[in-house]
Protein backbone atom coordinates (compact mmCIF):
# COMPACT_ATOMS: atom_id res chain seq x y z
CA MET A 1 0.00 0.00 0.00
CA LYS A 2 1.19 3.50 -0.80
CA ALA A 3 -0.48 6.73 0.21
CA GLN A 4 -1.50 9.31 -2.37
CA ILE A 5 -0.63 12.66 -0.81
CA GLU A 6 -2.27 15.72 -2.33
CA VAL A 7 -0.57 19.08 -1.77
CA LEU A 8 -2.72 22.19 -1.92
CA SER A 9 -1.48 25.66 -0.91
CA GLY A 10 1.46 24.17 0.99
CA ASN A 11 -0.68 21.75 3.02
CA SER A 12 -0.68 17.97 2.54
CA TYR A 13 -3.80 15.81 2.68
CA VAL A 14 -4.78 12.13 2.50
CA TRP A 15 -8.37 11.45 1.43
CA ASP A 16 -8.50 7.63 1.68
CA ALA A 17 -9.75 6.27 5.02
CA ASP A 18 -7.97 2.91 4.64
CA VAL A 19 -4.69 4.63 3.80
CA ALA A 20 -5.04 6.99 6.77
CA HIS A 21 -5.67 4.01 9.06
CA TRP A 22 -2.64 2.18 7.63
CA LEU A 23 -0.39 5.22 8.05
CA ARG A 24 -1.41 5.51 11.69
CA LEU A 25 -1.11 1.85 12.69
CA GLU A 26 1.70 0.52 10.53
CA CYS A 27 3.79 3.61 9.75
CA GLY A 28 3.34 5.60 12.95
CA LEU A 29 2.25 8.79 11.16
CA VAL A 30 -0.56 10.28 13.21
CA GLY A 31 -1.50 13.42 11.28
CA ALA A 32 -4.63 15.41 12.12
CA SER A 33 -8.18 14.83 10.86
CA ILE A 34 -9.62 18.20 9.89
CA GLY A 35 -12.84 17.31 8.04
CA GLY A 36 -16.37 17.35 9.37
CA VAL A 37 -18.47 14.25 9.96
CA ALA A 38 -21.79 14.16 8.12
CA ALA A 39 -24.94 14.33 10.26
CA PHE A 40 -22.91 14.87 13.44
CA LYS A 41 -24.18 17.68 15.65
CA GLN A 42 -20.94 18.67 17.38
CA GLN A 43 -18.63 19.25 14.41
CA ASN A 44 -15.73 20.41 16.60
CA ALA A 45 -15.78 17.28 18.80
CA VAL A 46 -15.15 14.63 16.14
CA HIS A 47 -13.33 15.15 12.85
CA GLY A 48 -13.05 13.04 9.73
CA LEU A 49 -11.29 13.06 6.37
CA PRO A 50 -9.15 14.53 5.02
CA LEU A 51 -6.11 13.65 7.11
CA GLU A 52 -3.63 16.52 7.15
CA LEU A 53 0.03 15.51 7.47
CA SER A 54 2.79 17.73 8.84
CA PRO A 55 5.79 18.56 6.61
CA GLU A 56 7.95 16.21 8.68
CA GLU A 57 5.48 13.34 8.24
CA VAL A 58 5.28 13.90 4.48
CA THR A 59 9.06 13.95 4.13
CA LEU A 60 9.42 10.77 6.18
CA ALA A 61 6.70 9.03 4.14
CA LEU A 62 8.41 9.96 0.87
CA GLU A 63 11.81 8.90 2.20
CA ARG A 64 10.57 5.51 3.45
CA GLY A 65 8.43 4.83 0.38
CA TRP A 66 5.15 4.91 2.30
CA GLY A 67 3.60 7.52 0.04
CA GLU A 68 3.93 9.57 -3.10
CA LEU A 69 2.74 12.99 -4.18
CA ALA A 70 -0.44 12.97 -6.21
CA PRO A 71 -0.68 15.08 -9.39
CA ALA A 72 -1.88 18.60 -8.85
CA LEU A 73 -5.54 19.12 -9.55
CA GLY A 74 -5.16 22.53 -11.20
CA THR A 75 -8.28 23.82 -9.48
CA ALA A 76 -7.16 27.43 -9.57
CA ALA A 77 -6.69 27.46 -13.35
CA ALA A 78 -9.95 25.59 -13.89
CA ALA A 79 -11.82 28.03 -11.65
CA ALA A 80 -10.31 31.02 -13.47
CA ALA A 81 -11.25 29.57 -16.86
CA ALA A 82 -14.77 28.76 -15.66
CA ALA A 83 -15.17 32.28 -14.28
CA ALA A 84 -14.02 33.76 -17.58
CA GLY A 85 -16.48 31.57 -19.46
CA ALA A 86 -19.29 32.56 -17.10
CA ALA A 87 -18.46 36.25 -17.61
CA SER A 88 -18.58 35.84 -21.38
CA ARG A 89 -21.91 34.04 -21.17
CA LYS A 90 -23.26 36.79 -18.92
CA ARG A 91 -22.24 39.43 -21.45
CA ALA A 92 -23.92 37.41 -24.20
CA ARG A 93 -27.14 37.20 -22.16
CA GLN A 94 -27.07 40.93 -21.47
CA ALA A 95 -26.56 41.69 -25.16
CA SER A 96 -29.45 39.37 -26.05
CA ALA A 97 -31.68 41.05 -23.46
CA TRP A 98 -30.87 44.53 -24.76
CA GLN A 99 -31.59 43.39 -28.30
CA TYR A 100 -34.88 41.90 -27.17
CA TYR A 101 -36.01 45.11 -25.49
CA GLU A 102 -34.95 47.25 -28.44
CA GLU A 103 -36.94 45.07 -30.80
CA GLU A 104 -39.95 45.28 -28.51
CA GLU A 105 -39.74 49.08 -28.45
CA GLU A 106 -39.50 49.27 -32.22
CA GLU A 107 -42.47 46.97 -32.68
CA LEU A 108 -44.44 48.99 -30.13
CA GLY A 109 -43.72 52.19 -32.00
CA ASP A 110 -44.70 50.64 -35.30
CA ARG A 111 -47.95 49.37 -33.86
CA GLU A 112 -48.82 52.77 -32.46
CA ALA A 113 -48.11 54.39 -35.82
CA MET A 114 -50.36 52.00 -37.71
CA ASP A 115 -53.99 52.53 -38.18
CA ALA A 116 -55.64 50.62 -35.31
CA GLU A 117 -58.88 50.24 -37.24
CA GLU A 118 -57.40 48.72 -40.44
CA ASN A 119 -54.40 46.66 -39.24
CA GLY A 120 -55.13 46.07 -35.54
CA ARG A 121 -57.12 42.87 -35.87
CA GLU A 122 -54.71 41.37 -38.40
CA GLN A 123 -51.66 42.17 -36.31
CA GLN A 124 -53.30 40.74 -33.20
CA GLN A 125 -53.99 37.48 -35.01
CA GLN A 126 -50.43 37.27 -36.34
CA GLU A 127 -48.67 38.19 -33.07
CA GLU A 128 -50.96 36.26 -30.75
CA PRO A 129 -48.58 33.91 -28.88
CA ALA A 130 -49.12 30.21 -29.07
CA GLU A 131 -50.04 28.27 -26.00
CA PRO A 132 -46.77 27.81 -23.96
CA THR A 133 -45.80 24.17 -23.48
CA TRP A 134 -45.18 24.59 -19.75
CA ARG A 135 -48.86 25.37 -19.10
CA ALA A 136 -50.01 21.97 -20.34
CA ALA A 137 -47.19 20.25 -18.41
CA LEU A 138 -48.13 22.16 -15.27
CA ALA A 139 -51.77 21.15 -15.66
CA ASP A 140 -50.84 17.49 -16.15
CA GLY A 141 -48.28 17.46 -13.32
CA ALA A 142 -45.44 16.58 -15.70
CA PRO A 143 -41.88 17.96 -15.30
CA PHE A 144 -40.99 21.02 -17.32
CA ALA A 145 -38.10 23.45 -17.76
CA ILE A 146 -38.44 27.11 -16.77
CA PRO A 147 -36.99 29.58 -19.31
CA THR A 148 -34.30 31.79 -17.75
CA THR A 149 -33.39 34.13 -20.60
CA PRO A 150 -35.47 36.40 -22.83
CA ALA A 151 -34.51 34.33 -25.88
CA GLU A 152 -35.72 31.11 -24.22
CA ALA A 153 -38.94 32.81 -23.12
CA ALA A 154 -39.60 34.07 -26.65
CA ALA A 155 -38.97 30.58 -28.05
CA VAL A 156 -41.32 28.97 -25.54
CA ASN A 157 -44.02 31.52 -26.25
CA ALA A 158 -43.59 30.76 -29.95
CA GLY A 159 -44.47 27.13 -29.27
CA ARG A 160 -41.03 25.50 -29.13
CA SER A 161 -39.97 23.29 -26.20
CA PRO A 162 -37.57 24.65 -23.55
CA GLU A 163 -35.01 21.98 -24.50
CA GLU A 164 -34.95 23.19 -28.09
CA ALA A 165 -34.69 26.79 -26.94
CA ALA A 166 -31.81 25.97 -24.51
CA ALA A 167 -29.97 24.02 -27.20
CA ALA A 168 -30.31 26.91 -29.64
CA ALA A 169 -29.09 29.40 -27.02
CA ALA A 170 -26.10 27.19 -26.11
CA ALA A 171 -25.18 26.80 -29.78
CA ALA A 172 -25.34 30.56 -30.26
CA ALA A 173 -23.21 31.21 -27.17
CA THR A 174 -20.59 28.65 -28.27
CA ALA A 175 -20.44 30.18 -31.72
CA GLY A 176 -20.01 33.64 -30.22
CA GLN A 177 -17.20 32.49 -27.91
CA ALA A 178 -15.38 30.76 -30.74
CA ALA A 179 -15.62 33.88 -32.87
CA ALA A 180 -14.45 36.19 -30.09
CA GLY A 181 -11.74 33.83 -28.90
CA GLU A 182 -12.95 33.90 -25.29
CA PRO A 183 -12.45 30.96 -22.93
CA GLY A 184 -15.46 28.70 -22.50
CA GLY A 185 -16.07 25.14 -21.47
CA GLU A 186 -13.21 23.84 -23.63
CA ALA A 187 -10.78 26.22 -21.93
CA ALA A 188 -11.95 25.15 -18.49
CA ALA A 189 -11.55 21.47 -19.40
CA ALA A 190 -8.11 22.14 -20.85
CA ALA A 191 -7.08 24.04 -17.76
CA ALA A 192 -8.34 21.27 -15.49
CA GLY A 193 -6.65 18.57 -17.54
CA GLY A 194 -3.40 20.48 -17.96
CA GLY A 195 -2.56 20.52 -14.24
CA GLN A 196 -1.45 16.88 -14.00
CA ALA A 197 2.16 17.66 -13.09
CA VAL A 198 3.41 16.21 -9.80
CA PRO A 199 4.27 19.05 -7.39
CA GLU A 200 7.84 19.43 -6.16
CA TRP A 201 8.37 18.81 -2.45
CA THR A 202 11.03 21.19 -1.08
CA PHE A 203 10.85 20.51 2.67
CA PRO A 204 13.30 20.67 4.39
CA ALA A 205 14.86 23.69 2.67
CA THR A 206 16.55 25.62 5.51
CA GLN A 207 18.89 24.56 8.28
CA GLU A 208 16.15 24.99 10.89
CA GLU A 209 13.79 22.76 8.89
CA ARG A 210 16.52 20.14 8.46
CA HIS A 211 17.16 20.05 12.21
CA ARG A 212 13.43 19.72 12.93
CA TYR A 213 13.10 16.85 10.50
CA TRP A 214 16.19 15.05 11.82
CA VAL A 215 14.89 15.20 15.40
CA PHE A 216 11.45 14.03 14.23
CA ARG A 217 12.95 11.14 12.27
CA ASP A 218 15.25 10.08 15.12
CA LEU A 219 12.47 10.00 17.73
CA HIS A 220 10.15 8.21 15.29
CA ALA A 221 12.83 5.59 14.66
CA LYS A 222 13.03 4.98 18.41
CA GLY A 223 9.38 3.88 18.39
CA TYR A 224 7.69 7.09 19.55
CA ARG A 225 4.70 8.79 17.93
CA LEU A 226 4.92 12.53 17.40
CA THR A 227 2.37 15.29 16.92
CA GLY A 228 2.55 19.07 16.92
CA GLY A 229 3.26 20.61 20.31
CA SER A 230 2.10 24.18 19.86
CA LYS A 231 -0.68 23.83 22.45
CA PHE A 232 1.98 23.20 25.12
CA GLY A 233 4.50 25.71 23.78
CA ALA A 234 6.76 23.03 22.27
CA ASP A 235 7.84 21.90 18.83
CA PHE A 236 6.64 18.30 19.21
CA LEU A 237 4.71 16.11 21.63
CA VAL A 238 6.16 12.61 22.03
CA TYR A 239 3.90 9.65 22.82
CA PRO A 240 5.01 6.13 23.77
CA GLY A 241 2.27 4.72 21.49
CA ASP A 242 -0.87 5.73 19.69
CA PRO A 243 -2.13 9.11 21.00
CA THR A 244 -5.63 7.68 21.42
CA LEU A 245 -4.28 5.23 24.01
CA TYR A 246 -1.46 7.15 25.73
CA HIS A 247 -0.73 10.60 27.07
CA ALA A 248 2.31 12.44 25.76
CA GLN A 249 5.42 11.91 27.89
CA PHE A 250 7.72 14.60 26.46
CA CYS A 251 7.44 18.18 25.26
CA VAL A 252 10.28 18.62 22.78
CA ARG A 253 11.93 22.01 22.35
CA LEU A 254 14.59 22.48 19.64
CA LEU A 255 17.40 24.87 20.55
CA PRO A 256 20.73 25.63 18.84
CA TYR A 257 23.55 23.80 20.56
CA ARG A 258 25.84 26.82 21.07
CA GLN A 259 23.10 29.29 21.93
CA PRO A 260 22.85 30.32 25.59
CA ILE A 261 19.56 29.50 27.27
CA LEU A 262 17.78 32.28 29.11
CA PRO A 263 16.89 31.20 32.65
CA ALA A 264 13.42 32.74 32.35
CA MET A 265 12.71 30.77 29.16
CA LEU A 266 13.97 27.55 30.70
CA ALA A 267 11.90 28.11 33.84
CA SER A 268 8.72 28.87 31.90
CA ALA A 269 9.17 25.90 29.54
CA THR A 270 9.90 23.55 32.44
CA ARG A 271 6.96 24.79 34.47
CA GLY A 272 4.57 24.49 31.51
CA SER A 273 5.67 20.93 30.79
CA HIS A 274 5.60 19.79 34.41
CA GLN A 275 2.18 21.31 35.04
CA ALA A 276 0.91 19.14 32.15
CA ARG A 277 2.64 16.08 33.71
CA LYS A 278 5.21 15.79 30.95
CA HIS A 279 8.99 15.82 30.73
CA LEU A 280 10.75 18.70 29.01
CA LEU A 281 13.12 17.37 26.35
CA ILE A 282 15.58 19.84 24.83
CA ALA A 283 17.08 18.67 21.53
CA SER A 284 20.07 20.27 19.80
CA VAL A 285 21.50 19.23 16.45
CA VAL A 286 25.24 19.48 15.85
CA GLU A 287 26.43 19.03 12.27
CA ASP A 288 29.90 17.50 11.98
CA ALA A 289 30.89 19.87 9.17
CA GLU A 290 30.05 22.95 11.22
CA GLU A 291 31.77 21.54 14.29
CA ALA A 292 34.92 20.75 12.29
CA ALA A 293 34.93 24.23 10.78
CA ARG A 294 34.50 25.76 14.22
CA GLU A 295 37.38 23.72 15.68
CA ALA A 296 39.61 24.60 12.73
CA GLY A 297 38.80 28.28 13.17
CA GLY A 298 39.56 28.10 16.90
CA ALA A 299 42.88 26.36 16.25
CA ALA A 300 43.87 29.00 13.69
CA GLU A 301 43.00 31.80 16.11
CA GLY A 302 45.03 30.12 18.85
CA ALA A 303 48.05 29.73 16.57
CA ALA A 304 47.84 33.36 15.50
CA ALA A 305 47.62 34.52 19.12
CA GLY A 306 50.63 32.39 20.08
CA ALA A 307 52.72 33.78 17.21
CA ALA A 308 51.85 37.37 18.19
CA ALA A 309 52.91 36.92 21.84
CA PRO A 310 55.78 39.28 22.85
CA ALA A 311 59.27 37.84 22.87
CA ASP A 312 60.04 39.58 26.14
CA GLY A 313 57.56 37.44 27.94
CA ARG A 314 59.17 34.27 26.68
CA GLU A 315 62.66 35.54 27.74
CA GLN A 316 61.43 36.34 31.21
CA GLN A 317 59.92 32.90 31.53
CA GLN A 318 63.22 31.32 30.44
CA GLN A 319 65.29 33.47 32.83
CA GLY A 320 63.05 32.79 35.76
CA GLY A 321 63.28 29.09 35.09
CA GLN A 322 59.55 28.72 35.11
CA GLN A 323 58.58 26.35 32.39
CA GLN A 324 54.83 26.09 32.16
CA GLN A 325 53.18 23.69 29.80
CA PRO A 326 49.63 24.80 29.00
CA GLN A 327 47.07 22.08 29.18
CA GLN A 328 44.50 22.18 26.45
CA GLN A 329 41.59 20.10 27.48
CA GLU A 330 38.09 20.15 26.15
CA GLU A 331 35.51 21.12 28.71
CA GLN A 332 33.38 18.15 29.71
CA PRO A 333 29.75 18.59 30.73
CA VAL A 334 29.16 18.15 34.42
CA GLN A 335 27.12 15.02 35.06
CA PRO A 336 24.67 15.23 37.96
CA PRO A 337 24.94 12.57 40.64
CA GLU A 338 22.59 9.64 40.68
CA GLY A 339 19.29 10.34 42.37
CA ALA A 340 19.75 14.10 42.23
CA GLY A 341 16.89 14.55 39.75
CA GLY A 342 16.96 17.63 37.55
CA ALA A 343 18.79 17.43 34.21
CA GLN A 344 20.29 14.44 32.44
CA LEU A 345 23.04 15.38 29.99
CA GLY A 346 25.05 13.66 27.31
CA ALA A 347 22.41 11.56 25.50
CA ASN A 348 23.59 11.52 21.88
CA SER A 349 22.14 10.10 18.69
CA ARG A 350 23.95 10.08 15.37
CA GLY A 351 22.50 10.14 11.89
CA THR A 352 22.98 11.06 8.25
CA GLY A 353 20.89 13.50 6.21
CA SER A 354 19.46 13.00 2.74
CA ARG A 355 22.42 14.85 1.21
CA GLY A 356 25.05 12.95 3.16
CA GLU A 357 25.29 15.39 6.05
CA ARG A 358 26.57 13.73 9.20
CA PHE A 359 25.19 15.02 12.47
CA ARG A 360 24.51 14.13 16.05
CA ILE A 361 21.58 15.07 18.24
CA ARG A 362 22.13 15.92 21.88
CA TYR A 363 19.16 15.48 24.20
CA MET A 364 18.68 16.96 27.65
CA THR A 365 15.67 16.10 29.78
CA ILE A 366 14.43 18.26 32.62
CA GLY A 367 12.68 16.06 35.15
CA PRO A 368 11.50 13.51 35.89
CA VAL A 369 8.11 14.48 37.22
CA GLU A 370 7.28 12.73 40.47
CA GLY A 371 4.81 9.90 39.97
CA PHE A 372 5.21 9.86 36.20
CA GLY A 373 7.57 8.09 33.81
């Protein structure tokens, strides 16, 4: 089974109920049902299809072969072409109406100018309308079509059926559109059929999006289920199983590895997570290429500083007989003692990006919450 994912205005949807069920149970992609349920009174309590997938879920499904992007529907072009065709038909109806009223005025003036005594009876016999077909149908209780344009009304009054009048009007409108070169039904069909190209999926495009996806993929590979965490002020909510059966255990916040953490932000994020009975999990992505470039830059700066040191200082150190050997050691994170609670540092997870980028993810949990986890 493979999911057909439709992308519309940057959002991704799955419209098949069986596929949505398979993605949730077998693939671990939860998504969010955003559709209404027919004949259900409380529309905000229960939602149905379509299933909206997050950008991270779509990227993981495409990477694992669980889904593919469906061809674009081209609804915008089809709607524009249909609107243009409707506008042209409206102009044609207006022109026909104006022509009808002008002809009526001319005939009225001619009738007034004629001698009522000599030509009145003859004209009344000639212009007396035939019995409309809809009157007999209405009397018999049979279905009938109601004329909607002056041309159709004139045809019905002349004794022709509404179907014949509608066909004649449609033929005239099509001929007028072809002569004027305006888009009609053919243009709308061409626009709808021309949008069959598969859309290009660009997520993740930035470094921040790559880091979000790598953390999502790593936690998903560990067996967790992830959803959006905006309602708890986090990037993700992490569940030990299906969200319908378990509460979330972690609120995941993504922070740059070298960026200092404000104490107020840490306190507010920790308090919000613990009040909801969840752990706060801080995730930081370190790319090996950036780390190597940073270490190379630090080594170059250290070498330049050592070469620029004054020679007098070195002579004084030699004369005084004090030979000091600097110790260059990398600072190690302080590990809290067992049973102290609080933060747990040093949990690493390595991975490789889609373009061959090598990285590692450092996790730090704030907790645990008493009586949970």
